[in-house]
Protein backbone atom coordinates (compact mmCIF):
# COMPACT_ATOMS: atom_id res chain seq x y z
CA MET A 1 -0.14 -0.53 -0.06
CA GLY A 2 3.01 2.72 0.90
CA LEU A 3 4.00 2.05 -2.82
CA PHE A 4 0.45 2.94 -4.49
CA PHE A 5 0.37 6.09 -1.80
CA TYR A 6 3.84 7.16 -2.77
CA LEU A 7 2.56 6.81 -6.61
CA THR A 8 -0.52 8.70 -6.56
CA ILE A 9 1.41 11.68 -4.45
CA VAL A 10 3.90 11.38 -7.66
CA ILE A 11 1.88 11.45 -10.77
CA GLY A 12 -0.60 14.21 -8.75
CA CYS A 13 2.30 16.21 -8.49
CA SER A 14 3.58 15.85 -12.10
CA LEU A 15 0.11 16.27 -13.18
CA ILE A 16 0.08 19.76 -11.48
CA TYR A 17 3.28 21.15 -12.56
CA PHE A 18 2.33 20.08 -16.22
CA GLY A 19 -1.24 21.55 -16.02
CA PHE A 20 1.17 25.09 -14.62
CA VAL A 21 3.72 24.89 -17.40
CA LYS A 22 0.73 24.32 -20.01
CA LYS A 23 -0.75 27.79 -18.77
CA THR A 24 1.93 29.70 -18.51
CA GLU A 25 2.54 28.60 -22.22
CA ARG A 26 -0.91 29.78 -23.30
CA ASP A 27 -0.68 32.67 -21.63
CA ILE A 28 2.57 33.78 -23.41
CA LYS A 29 0.76 32.91 -26.75
CA MET A 30 -1.83 35.16 -25.78
CA LYS A 31 0.25 38.13 -24.89
CA GLU A 32 2.14 37.82 -28.11
CA LEU A 33 -1.10 37.66 -30.17
CA GLU A 34 -2.28 40.73 -28.48
CA LEU A 35 0.75 42.33 -28.97
CA GLU A 36 0.32 41.69 -32.44
CA ALA A 37 -2.86 43.23 -32.63
CA LYS A 38 -1.68 46.22 -31.39
CA LYS A 39 1.08 46.83 -33.93
CA VAL A 40 -1.73 46.29 -36.80
CA GLU A 41 -3.64 48.82 -35.27
CA LEU A 42 -0.39 51.05 -34.60
CA GLU A 43 0.66 50.29 -38.66
CA MET A 44 -3.30 50.96 -39.69
CA LYS A 45 -3.89 54.26 -37.79
CA LYS A 46 0.33 55.39 -39.04
CA LEU A 47 -1.36 54.24 -42.98
CA GLU A 48 -4.46 56.22 -42.04
CA ASN A 49 -2.27 59.85 -41.06
CA CYS A 50 -0.39 59.46 -43.86
CA GLN A 51 -2.74 58.98 -46.03
CA ASP A 52 -5.00 62.11 -44.55
CA SER A 53 -1.49 64.44 -45.18
CA SER A 54 -1.22 63.82 -48.21
CA GLU A 55 -4.63 64.84 -49.20
CA LEU A 56 -4.26 67.88 -47.07
CA GLU A 57 -1.54 68.54 -49.03
CA GLY A 58 -2.71 67.73 -52.05
CA LYS A 59 -5.72 70.25 -51.45
């Protein structure tokens, strides 16, 4: 019975650890996607600003 108890404890701890690692990796991936979305928004605003300024110069 002692072996079964320790085996259960080791498996439980490893499941908790790998769950934590996967959650951390997922959170990092989500942050990277949010950053990429913000970069796209910034690039769109730059293009709109450039387009607006060129229209003002043409008038």
